[in-house]
Protein backbone atom coordinates (compact mmCIF):
# COMPACT_ATOMS: atom_id res chain seq x y z
CA MET A 1 0.00 0.00 0.00
CA LEU A 2 2.87 2.37 0.80
CA ALA A 3 4.29 1.78 -2.68
CA LEU A 4 0.94 2.72 -4.22
CA LEU A 5 0.75 5.85 -2.08
CA VAL A 6 4.27 6.84 -3.03
CA THR A 7 3.68 6.20 -6.73
CA ALA A 8 0.47 8.23 -6.78
CA ALA A 9 2.01 11.02 -4.76
CA LEU A 10 5.09 11.26 -6.97
CA LEU A 11 2.80 12.85 -9.53
CA ALA A 12 1.54 15.40 -7.00
CA GLY A 13 2.60 18.11 -4.56
CA CYS A 14 5.61 19.82 -3.18
CA GLY A 15 6.33 20.98 0.34
CA ALA A 16 5.21 24.07 2.18
CA VAL A 17 7.40 26.46 4.13
CA SER A 18 6.42 27.64 7.61
CA SER A 19 6.45 31.27 8.65
CA ARG A 20 9.84 30.61 10.30
CA GLY A 21 11.30 29.70 6.90
CA GLN A 22 11.68 26.03 7.82
CA PRO A 23 9.98 23.17 6.02
CA GLY A 24 6.54 22.69 7.49
CA PRO A 25 3.86 20.09 7.04
CA THR A 26 3.19 19.56 3.38
CA ALA A 27 -0.22 19.98 1.82
CA THR A 28 0.40 16.84 -0.22
CA PRO A 29 3.49 14.93 0.96
CA ALA A 30 4.84 12.36 -1.46
CA ALA A 31 4.38 9.78 1.33
CA VAL A 32 3.41 9.58 4.98
CA VAL A 33 5.77 7.21 6.77
CA THR A 34 4.77 5.82 10.19
CA ASP A 35 6.20 3.28 12.62
CA ALA A 36 4.06 0.66 10.85
CA ASP A 37 6.35 1.13 7.79
CA THR A 38 9.47 -0.06 9.59
CA GLY A 39 11.70 -2.11 7.31
CA SER A 40 10.25 -0.61 4.14
CA THR A 41 11.79 1.47 1.35
CA VAL A 42 10.37 4.82 0.23
CA GLN A 43 11.27 6.37 -3.11
CA LEU A 44 11.37 10.13 -3.60
CA ALA A 45 12.57 12.39 -6.39
CA VAL A 46 15.05 15.18 -5.64
CA GLY A 47 13.11 18.11 -4.19
CA GLN A 48 10.16 16.08 -2.94
CA GLN A 49 9.11 15.85 0.67
CA ALA A 50 7.49 13.15 2.78
CA ALA A 51 6.14 13.18 6.32
CA LEU A 52 7.56 10.96 9.06
CA ARG A 53 5.04 10.47 11.89
CA LEU A 54 5.97 8.52 15.00
CA GLY A 55 3.56 8.26 17.90
CA GLY A 56 0.98 6.01 19.39
CA ARG A 57 1.65 4.58 22.83
CA LEU A 58 5.42 4.92 22.39
CA THR A 59 7.84 7.75 23.08
CA TRP A 60 10.29 7.92 20.17
CA SER A 61 13.92 8.99 20.20
CA GLU A 62 14.96 11.77 17.83
CA PRO A 63 15.29 10.03 14.45
CA GLN A 64 18.81 9.72 13.05
CA VAL A 65 19.72 9.87 9.36
CA SER A 66 22.65 8.04 7.81
CA GLY A 67 23.51 9.04 4.26
CA GLY A 68 23.28 12.46 2.68
CA ALA A 69 20.30 11.96 0.37
CA VAL A 70 17.72 13.43 2.77
CA ARG A 71 17.34 16.09 5.44
CA LEU A 72 15.04 15.58 8.42
CA THR A 73 13.36 18.62 9.99
CA PRO A 74 11.05 18.47 13.05
CA VAL A 75 7.54 19.87 12.67
CA ASP A 76 6.58 21.21 16.08
CA GLU A 77 3.01 22.21 15.28
CA VAL A 78 1.58 18.65 15.29
CA ARG A 79 2.68 17.28 18.69
CA GLU A 80 -0.83 17.69 20.09
CA GLN A 81 -2.23 15.22 17.52
CA GLY A 82 -0.79 12.15 19.27
CA TYR A 83 2.40 11.85 17.24
CA ARG A 84 5.57 13.74 16.46
CA GLU A 85 6.26 14.68 12.86
CA TRP A 86 9.35 15.38 10.80
CA THR A 87 9.64 16.49 7.19
CA ILE A 88 11.85 14.26 5.05
CA SER A 89 13.33 16.43 2.29
CA ALA A 90 14.99 14.69 -0.66
CA ALA A 91 18.18 16.73 -0.94
CA GLY A 92 20.13 14.78 -3.54
CA ARG A 93 20.34 11.47 -5.36
CA GLY A 94 21.31 8.50 -3.25
CA THR A 95 20.14 6.41 -0.34
CA ALA A 96 19.56 7.31 3.30
CA LYS A 97 18.41 5.32 6.29
CA ILE A 98 16.25 6.83 9.04
CA THR A 99 16.24 5.09 12.43
CA SER A 100 14.62 5.65 15.82
CA THR A 101 13.67 3.69 18.94
CA GLY A 102 10.32 3.73 20.71
CA ARG A 103 9.73 3.02 24.37
CA PRO A 104 6.37 2.67 26.14
CA ALA A 105 4.98 5.99 27.35
CA CYS A 106 4.07 5.17 30.95
CA SER A 107 2.59 7.45 33.59
CA PRO A 108 4.58 8.10 36.77
CA GLY A 109 4.12 5.19 39.18
CA GLU A 110 2.74 2.92 36.46
CA MET A 111 4.42 -0.44 35.87
CA CYS A 112 6.15 -0.02 32.51
CA PRO A 113 7.28 -2.93 30.31
CA ALA A 114 10.94 -2.92 29.30
CA VAL A 115 10.15 -3.16 25.61
CA VAL A 116 11.94 -1.23 22.89
CA GLN A 117 10.62 -1.01 19.34
CA LEU A 118 13.14 -0.34 16.60
CA PHE A 119 12.18 1.77 13.59
CA SER A 120 14.13 1.84 10.35
CA VAL A 121 13.17 2.97 6.87
CA THR A 122 15.32 3.34 3.77
CA VAL A 123 14.77 6.34 1.50
CA VAL A 124 15.96 6.13 -2.11
CA VAL A 125 16.21 9.50 -3.86
CA THR A 126 16.25 9.51 -7.66
């Protein structure tokens, strides 16, 4: 399904810029990547943007990018919606890997399982 979304979106939209001059949420991102997409590959063209949304019942570490094909910029305006969002900007041809770890978000005094979920997605920029 992600491949279909990416293919359809490749024909559409570009990113928006926030009033602070930083990439903001896109009106039509080329893809919306979530923790359910871990292990998958996303294809973008140079200049396209996608949204990375991590949330749910987990607290995610700041995502790390290896490879110079993409830039990752936090989008602060969406934290209240139950997830954190970053804009993935395809900066140049190549491959990049985005990784993060999620831990259960437990209330103070609540018994919290010692479970860690790993997230990894490969972005190929053409």
